[in-house]
Amino acid sequence: MPDKINYQKLALEELERIHASNKRPSLLFHVCCGPCSCYPLTFLCPHFDVTILYNNSNIYPPEEFDKRLGELKKLIDYLKRDYGFEIKLVVPAYDNDEYNKALAPFATSPEGGERCHVCYRKRMAEAYDYAEEKGYDYFTTVMTVSRQKDSQIMNQIGEELSKTHTRTKYFFSDFKKNNGQMIGVQIRKKYDLYNQIYCGCIYSYQEMLQRPKH
């Protein structure tokens, strides 16, 4: 097995290059929810002009999509109030039925397996396409903050996508490092944000319903 890459180190090295350029680049940030975004936004916003792309047609049911979006909007308002961050938000049209056509062949795949990898790549590719089309300097995803998601896989997907997106550079990350996830939990609790109990898709929703009740 190849050695794991320290993506947090790569992120810090890239920030050093950005600071040396005396420029403030734009970054398109794929985000799945408010709680996961708490720490990454406090990490990114001091260095970039951040636009969030909430492209998450994987989320089921639609009421859950709307609820997570609402919590994300609350977080953006709180961060503007408390930190002065100006964060733009773009929300593509929601179409869970169409999205699930890509996931259906992997319906029996376990959580974190091939179905999830297809989902990661699909959303990241859609977001990267948008970043390239609109001329953003950088693109990255919030998903490296989750302990349930392998940052090595996320960054490998990002690196592969970067080969066909020459205008927009991929920003490597591992937001869970340096207690990033725990800091995010503290911010979430401070703002009393709703914290979902399943990843998002109809399959993870069904698995959640089958969990033993305590």
Protein backbone atom coordinates (compact mmCIF):
# COMPACT_ATOMS: atom_id res chain seq x y z
CA MET A 1 0.00 0.00 0.00
CA PRO A 2 1.47 3.41 -0.96
CA ASP A 3 2.30 5.90 1.75
CA LYS A 4 -0.47 8.33 2.60
CA ILE A 5 -0.01 11.89 1.40
CA ASN A 6 -0.12 14.69 3.97
CA TYR A 7 -2.72 16.87 2.28
CA GLN A 8 -2.92 19.30 5.17
CA LYS A 9 0.77 20.05 4.61
CA LEU A 10 0.11 20.62 0.91
CA ALA A 11 -2.70 23.02 1.81
CA LEU A 12 -0.46 25.08 4.08
CA GLU A 13 2.28 25.17 1.45
CA GLU A 14 -0.22 26.44 -1.12
CA LEU A 15 -1.35 29.16 1.26
CA GLU A 16 2.26 30.26 1.63
CA ARG A 17 2.53 30.61 -2.15
CA ILE A 18 -0.70 32.58 -2.24
CA HIS A 19 0.50 34.97 0.46
CA ALA A 20 3.79 35.46 -1.36
CA SER A 21 1.86 36.50 -4.49
CA ASN A 22 0.09 39.30 -2.61
CA LYS A 23 -3.14 38.30 -4.33
CA ARG A 24 -6.44 37.16 -2.89
CA PRO A 25 -7.73 34.38 -5.16
CA SER A 26 -11.30 33.23 -5.63
CA LEU A 27 -12.33 29.75 -4.49
CA LEU A 28 -15.42 27.69 -5.25
CA PHE A 29 -16.22 25.51 -2.27
CA HIS A 30 -18.42 22.44 -2.65
CA VAL A 31 -20.41 22.14 0.57
CA CYS A 32 -22.90 19.49 1.72
CA CYS A 33 -24.25 21.09 4.92
CA GLY A 34 -23.68 23.72 7.60
CA PRO A 35 -22.09 21.61 10.36
CA CYS A 36 -19.40 20.18 8.08
CA SER A 37 -18.62 23.70 6.83
CA CYS A 38 -18.03 25.34 10.22
CA TYR A 39 -14.30 24.81 10.56
CA PRO A 40 -13.36 24.74 6.83
CA LEU A 41 -14.94 28.16 6.27
CA THR A 42 -12.99 29.68 9.17
CA PHE A 43 -9.86 28.12 7.64
CA LEU A 44 -10.47 29.27 4.05
CA CYS A 45 -12.15 32.66 4.30
CA PRO A 46 -9.11 34.59 5.62
CA HIS A 47 -7.23 33.63 2.44
CA PHE A 48 -9.83 33.41 -0.36
CA ASP A 49 -12.92 35.08 -1.72
CA VAL A 50 -15.17 32.08 -1.10
CA THR A 51 -18.28 31.09 -3.01
CA ILE A 52 -20.19 28.03 -1.78
CA LEU A 53 -21.79 25.69 -4.29
CA TYR A 54 -24.53 23.67 -2.63
CA ASN A 55 -24.90 21.07 -5.40
CA ASN A 56 -26.35 18.13 -3.49
CA SER A 57 -29.14 16.45 -5.44
CA ASN A 58 -28.05 13.26 -3.70
CA ILE A 59 -29.83 14.35 -0.51
CA TYR A 60 -33.13 12.59 0.22
CA PRO A 61 -35.89 13.50 0.90
CA PRO A 62 -36.28 17.03 -0.52
CA GLU A 63 -37.31 18.33 2.91
CA GLU A 64 -33.88 17.25 4.18
CA PHE A 65 -32.20 19.07 1.28
CA ASP A 66 -34.07 22.25 2.23
CA LYS A 67 -33.36 21.85 5.94
CA ARG A 68 -29.62 21.46 5.41
CA LEU A 69 -29.62 24.43 3.05
CA GLY A 70 -31.42 26.51 5.64
CA GLU A 71 -28.84 25.67 8.29
CA LEU A 72 -26.04 26.53 5.86
CA LYS A 73 -27.61 29.95 5.24
CA LYS A 74 -27.80 30.50 9.00
CA LEU A 75 -24.10 29.64 9.33
CA ILE A 76 -23.17 32.08 6.56
CA ASP A 77 -25.07 34.84 8.36
CA TYR A 78 -23.43 34.00 11.70
CA LEU A 79 -19.93 34.01 10.18
CA LYS A 80 -20.58 37.38 8.58
CA ARG A 81 -21.78 38.77 11.91
CA ASP A 82 -18.99 37.32 14.05
CA TYR A 83 -16.02 37.19 11.65
CA GLY A 84 -16.89 39.64 8.89
CA PHE A 85 -16.69 36.91 6.23
CA GLU A 86 -18.51 37.73 2.98
CA ILE A 87 -19.50 34.32 1.60
CA LYS A 88 -21.54 33.96 -1.57
CA LEU A 89 -23.89 31.01 -2.08
CA VAL A 90 -24.97 29.31 -5.31
CA VAL A 91 -27.70 26.64 -5.27
CA PRO A 92 -28.23 24.62 -8.47
CA ALA A 93 -31.62 23.05 -9.12
CA TYR A 94 -32.43 19.99 -7.04
CA ASP A 95 -33.23 16.77 -8.94
CA ASN A 96 -32.92 13.68 -6.76
CA ASP A 97 -34.63 11.34 -9.26
CA GLU A 98 -32.15 12.14 -12.01
CA TYR A 99 -29.20 12.02 -9.62
CA ASN A 100 -30.13 8.57 -8.33
CA LYS A 101 -29.77 7.06 -11.80
CA ALA A 102 -26.02 7.12 -11.20
CA LEU A 103 -26.31 5.54 -7.74
CA ALA A 104 -28.92 2.87 -8.46
CA PRO A 105 -26.47 0.30 -9.91
CA PHE A 106 -24.68 0.37 -6.54
CA ALA A 107 -27.77 0.22 -4.34
CA THR A 108 -26.45 -2.70 -2.27
CA SER A 109 -23.00 -1.20 -1.81
CA PRO A 110 -22.21 -0.60 1.89
CA GLU A 111 -21.83 2.89 3.29
CA GLY A 112 -18.40 4.17 2.32
CA GLY A 113 -18.14 1.72 -0.59
CA GLU A 114 -18.40 2.09 -4.35
CA ARG A 115 -21.76 3.86 -4.30
CA CYS A 116 -20.32 6.57 -2.10
CA HIS A 117 -17.25 6.93 -4.31
CA VAL A 118 -19.51 7.42 -7.34
CA CYS A 119 -21.44 10.05 -5.40
CA TYR A 120 -18.29 11.89 -4.27
CA ARG A 121 -16.92 12.03 -7.79
CA LYS A 122 -20.20 13.07 -9.38
CA ARG A 123 -20.75 16.04 -7.07
CA MET A 124 -17.12 17.10 -7.17
CA ALA A 125 -17.07 16.90 -10.99
CA GLU A 126 -20.24 18.99 -11.25
CA ALA A 127 -18.81 21.59 -8.88
CA TYR A 128 -15.42 21.62 -10.62
CA ASP A 129 -17.13 22.13 -13.98
CA TYR A 130 -18.93 25.15 -12.54
CA ALA A 131 -15.70 26.56 -11.10
CA GLU A 132 -13.93 26.18 -14.44
CA GLU A 133 -16.81 27.69 -16.39
CA LYS A 134 -17.05 30.72 -14.10
CA GLY A 135 -13.29 31.26 -13.91
CA TYR A 136 -12.57 30.62 -10.24
CA ASP A 137 -8.90 30.40 -9.28
CA TYR A 138 -9.37 27.40 -6.97
CA PHE A 139 -11.85 24.63 -6.23
CA THR A 140 -12.13 22.32 -3.23
CA THR A 141 -14.67 20.27 -1.27
CA VAL A 142 -15.79 20.27 2.33
CA MET A 143 -15.89 16.46 2.46
CA THR A 144 -12.34 15.99 3.76
CA VAL A 145 -13.55 17.23 7.17
CA SER A 146 -15.57 14.07 7.87
CA ARG A 147 -14.08 11.13 9.76
CA GLN A 148 -16.44 8.91 7.75
CA LYS A 149 -14.84 9.98 4.47
CA ASP A 150 -11.30 9.10 3.40
CA SER A 151 -9.38 12.30 2.62
CA GLN A 152 -6.94 10.32 0.51
CA ILE A 153 -9.79 9.29 -1.82
CA MET A 154 -11.28 12.80 -1.92
CA ASN A 155 -8.01 14.41 -2.85
CA GLN A 156 -7.20 11.73 -5.40
CA ILE A 157 -10.53 12.46 -7.08
CA GLY A 158 -9.74 16.17 -7.00
CA GLU A 159 -6.30 15.63 -8.48
CA GLU A 160 -7.72 13.46 -11.28
CA LEU A 161 -10.38 16.05 -12.08
CA SER A 162 -7.78 18.82 -12.13
CA LYS A 163 -6.17 17.23 -15.19
CA THR A 164 -9.21 18.18 -17.27
CA HIS A 165 -9.83 21.54 -15.55
CA THR A 166 -6.86 23.66 -16.51
CA ARG A 167 -8.24 27.10 -15.58
CA THR A 168 -9.11 26.30 -11.96
CA LYS A 169 -6.56 24.79 -9.58
CA TYR A 170 -7.55 22.11 -7.12
CA PHE A 171 -6.86 23.06 -3.49
CA PHE A 172 -5.77 19.98 -1.54
CA SER A 173 -7.12 19.72 1.99
CA ASP A 174 -7.62 17.53 5.01
CA PHE A 175 -9.88 19.67 7.16
CA LYS A 176 -10.18 17.06 9.89
CA LYS A 177 -6.49 17.50 10.78
CA ASN A 178 -5.29 19.72 13.62
CA ASN A 179 -8.55 19.10 15.48
CA GLY A 180 -10.49 20.62 12.60
CA GLN A 181 -13.50 18.41 13.11
CA MET A 182 -13.63 19.07 16.86
CA ILE A 183 -13.34 22.82 16.30
CA GLY A 184 -16.20 22.50 13.85
CA VAL A 185 -18.32 20.69 16.45
CA GLN A 186 -17.72 23.54 18.90
CA ILE A 187 -18.79 26.12 16.30
CA ARG A 188 -21.87 24.05 15.41
CA LYS A 189 -22.91 23.87 19.06
CA LYS A 190 -22.27 27.58 19.54
CA TYR A 191 -24.68 28.37 16.70
CA ASP A 192 -27.09 25.55 17.59
CA LEU A 193 -27.09 24.14 14.06
CA TYR A 194 -29.12 21.06 13.17
CA ASN A 195 -26.78 18.07 12.90
CA GLN A 196 -28.07 15.38 10.53
CA ILE A 197 -27.75 11.70 11.51
CA TYR A 198 -27.23 10.17 8.07
CA CYS A 199 -25.04 11.06 5.12
CA GLY A 200 -27.74 12.10 2.69
CA CYS A 201 -28.77 9.74 -0.12
CA ILE A 202 -31.89 7.58 -0.13
CA TYR A 203 -29.80 4.50 0.63
CA SER A 204 -28.15 6.03 3.70
CA TYR A 205 -31.60 7.29 4.73
CA GLN A 206 -33.01 3.76 4.54
CA GLU A 207 -30.06 2.39 6.50
CA MET A 208 -30.66 5.05 9.15
CA LEU A 209 -34.29 3.97 9.51
CA GLN A 210 -33.15 0.40 10.15
CA ARG A 211 -30.82 1.30 13.01
CA PRO A 212 -31.86 -0.01 16.43
CA LYS A 213 -33.81 2.52 18.47
CA HIS A 214 -32.34 3.25 21.91
